[in-house]
Amino acid sequence: MDIRNKTSKPIRLPLEGGKRCFLTPGGKGQISPKQGEEPKIKALLEDGTIEIDGVPPRKRGKIAAEDKK
C-alpha cells in the first residue's frame, strides 16, 4: 500500500514491532495492508494527515451527517 504525507511537515508513523516510517512533506512511502489497519494509522488517515492509495477520503460535515441517517 502506498501512503502519502498531506502536511507541510515531516511525520513519523509508528508501525508494529517498534518500526517507523518517515515521510517528508508531500512524501510517499509503502506499508503493508496489515500495518494500514493499526489504530494509530487509521487515526492519522481520518484526520487527513495521511492518504492511503485505494482508500477513499473520509466524508465530513453535512454529507457525512446525511449518510448516517
C-alpha atoms as a PDB file:
ATOM      1  CA  MET A   1       0.000   0.000   0.000  1.00  0.00           C
ATOM      2  CA  ASP A   2       1.285   3.441  -0.902  1.00  0.00           C
ATOM      3  CA  ILE A   3       0.961   6.124   1.739  1.00  0.00           C
ATOM      4  CA  ARG A   4       1.380   9.906   1.319  1.00  0.00           C
ATOM      5  CA  ASN A   5       2.015  12.729   3.791  1.00  0.00           C
ATOM      6  CA  LYS A   6      -0.504  15.512   3.089  1.00  0.00           C
ATOM      7  CA  THR A   7       1.005  18.001   5.559  1.00  0.00           C
ATOM      8  CA  SER A   8       3.736  20.592   5.164  1.00  0.00           C
ATOM      9  CA  LYS A   9       5.799  18.988   7.946  1.00  0.00           C
ATOM     10  CA  PRO A  10       7.687  15.677   8.094  1.00  0.00           C
ATOM     11  CA  ILE A  11       5.935  12.932  10.042  1.00  0.00           C
ATOM     12  CA  ARG A  12       6.989   9.679  11.664  1.00  0.00           C
ATOM     13  CA  LEU A  13       4.430   6.878  11.511  1.00  0.00           C
ATOM     14  CA  PRO A  14       4.634   4.274  14.283  1.00  0.00           C
ATOM     15  CA  LEU A  15       4.435   0.704  12.970  1.00  0.00           C
ATOM     16  CA  GLU A  16       4.258  -2.650  14.717  1.00  0.00           C
ATOM     17  CA  GLY A  17       7.419  -4.222  16.026  1.00  0.00           C
ATOM     18  CA  GLY A  18       8.893  -0.864  17.034  1.00  0.00           C
ATOM     19  CA  LYS A  19       9.405   0.148  13.393  1.00  0.00           C
ATOM     20  CA  ARG A  20       8.729   3.609  11.972  1.00  0.00           C
ATOM     21  CA  CYS A  21       8.005   5.062   8.546  1.00  0.00           C
ATOM     22  CA  PHE A  22       9.422   8.563   7.974  1.00  0.00           C
ATOM     23  CA  LEU A  23       7.628  10.725   5.410  1.00  0.00           C
ATOM     24  CA  THR A  24       8.826  14.109   4.178  1.00  0.00           C
ATOM     25  CA  PRO A  25       6.251  16.854   3.438  1.00  0.00           C
ATOM     26  CA  GLY A  26       4.239  15.546   0.484  1.00  0.00           C
ATOM     27  CA  GLY A  27       6.416  12.427   0.504  1.00  0.00           C
ATOM     28  CA  LYS A  28       5.326   8.885  -0.270  1.00  0.00           C
ATOM     29  CA  GLY A  29       6.160   5.555   1.307  1.00  0.00           C
ATOM     30  CA  GLN A  30       4.900   1.999   1.485  1.00  0.00           C
ATOM     31  CA  ILE A  31       3.324  -0.016   4.263  1.00  0.00           C
ATOM     32  CA  SER A  32       1.730  -3.446   4.333  1.00  0.00           C
ATOM     33  CA  PRO A  33      -2.079  -3.807   4.387  1.00  0.00           C
ATOM     34  CA  LYS A  34      -1.778  -5.245   7.902  1.00  0.00           C
ATOM     35  CA  GLN A  35       0.043  -2.100   9.079  1.00  0.00           C
ATOM     36  CA  GLY A  36      -2.652   0.044   7.465  1.00  0.00           C
ATOM     37  CA  GLU A  37      -5.187  -1.464   9.877  1.00  0.00           C
ATOM     38  CA  GLU A  38      -3.348  -0.265  13.001  1.00  0.00           C
ATOM     39  CA  PRO A  39      -5.332   2.205  15.172  1.00  0.00           C
ATOM     40  CA  LYS A  40      -2.641   4.915  15.031  1.00  0.00           C
ATOM     41  CA  ILE A  41      -2.521   4.780  11.226  1.00  0.00           C
ATOM     42  CA  LYS A  42      -6.335   4.836  10.995  1.00  0.00           C
ATOM     43  CA  ALA A  43      -6.442   7.908  13.262  1.00  0.00           C
ATOM     44  CA  LEU A  44      -3.991   9.787  11.022  1.00  0.00           C
ATOM     45  CA  LEU A  45      -5.990   8.756   7.972  1.00  0.00           C
ATOM     46  CA  GLU A  46      -9.231  10.081   9.491  1.00  0.00           C
ATOM     47  CA  ASP A  47      -7.507  13.356  10.473  1.00  0.00           C
ATOM     48  CA  GLY A  48      -6.463  13.879   6.868  1.00  0.00           C
ATOM     49  CA  THR A  49      -2.781  13.889   7.831  1.00  0.00           C
ATOM     50  CA  ILE A  50      -2.026  10.952   5.549  1.00  0.00           C
ATOM     51  CA  GLU A  51      -3.605   9.429   2.471  1.00  0.00           C
ATOM     52  CA  ILE A  52      -3.504   5.765   1.502  1.00  0.00           C
ATOM     53  CA  ASP A  53      -3.943   4.859  -2.164  1.00  0.00           C
ATOM     54  CA  GLY A  54      -7.118   2.881  -2.687  1.00  0.00           C
ATOM     55  CA  VAL A  55      -8.824   4.257   0.443  1.00  0.00           C
ATOM     56  CA  PRO A  56     -11.420   6.963  -0.274  1.00  0.00           C
ATOM     57  CA  PRO A  57     -11.121  10.183   1.756  1.00  0.00           C
ATOM     58  CA  ARG A  58     -13.403  10.383   4.779  1.00  0.00           C
ATOM     59  CA  LYS A  59     -16.587  12.390   4.303  1.00  0.00           C
ATOM     60  CA  ARG A  60     -17.054  15.337   6.637  1.00  0.00           C
ATOM     61  CA  GLY A  61     -19.717  17.863   7.542  1.00  0.00           C
ATOM     62  CA  LYS A  62     -23.223  17.830   6.141  1.00  0.00           C
ATOM     63  CA  ILE A  63     -22.601  14.971   3.674  1.00  0.00           C
ATOM     64  CA  ALA A  64     -21.328  12.681   6.440  1.00  0.00           C
ATOM     65  CA  ALA A  65     -24.326  13.525   8.662  1.00  0.00           C
ATOM     66  CA  GLU A  66     -26.748  12.662   5.832  1.00  0.00           C
ATOM     67  CA  ASP A  67     -25.042   9.282   5.289  1.00  0.00           C
ATOM     68  CA  LYS A  68     -25.633   8.317   8.933  1.00  0.00           C
ATOM     69  CA  LYS A  69     -29.406   8.662   8.640  1.00  0.00           C
END
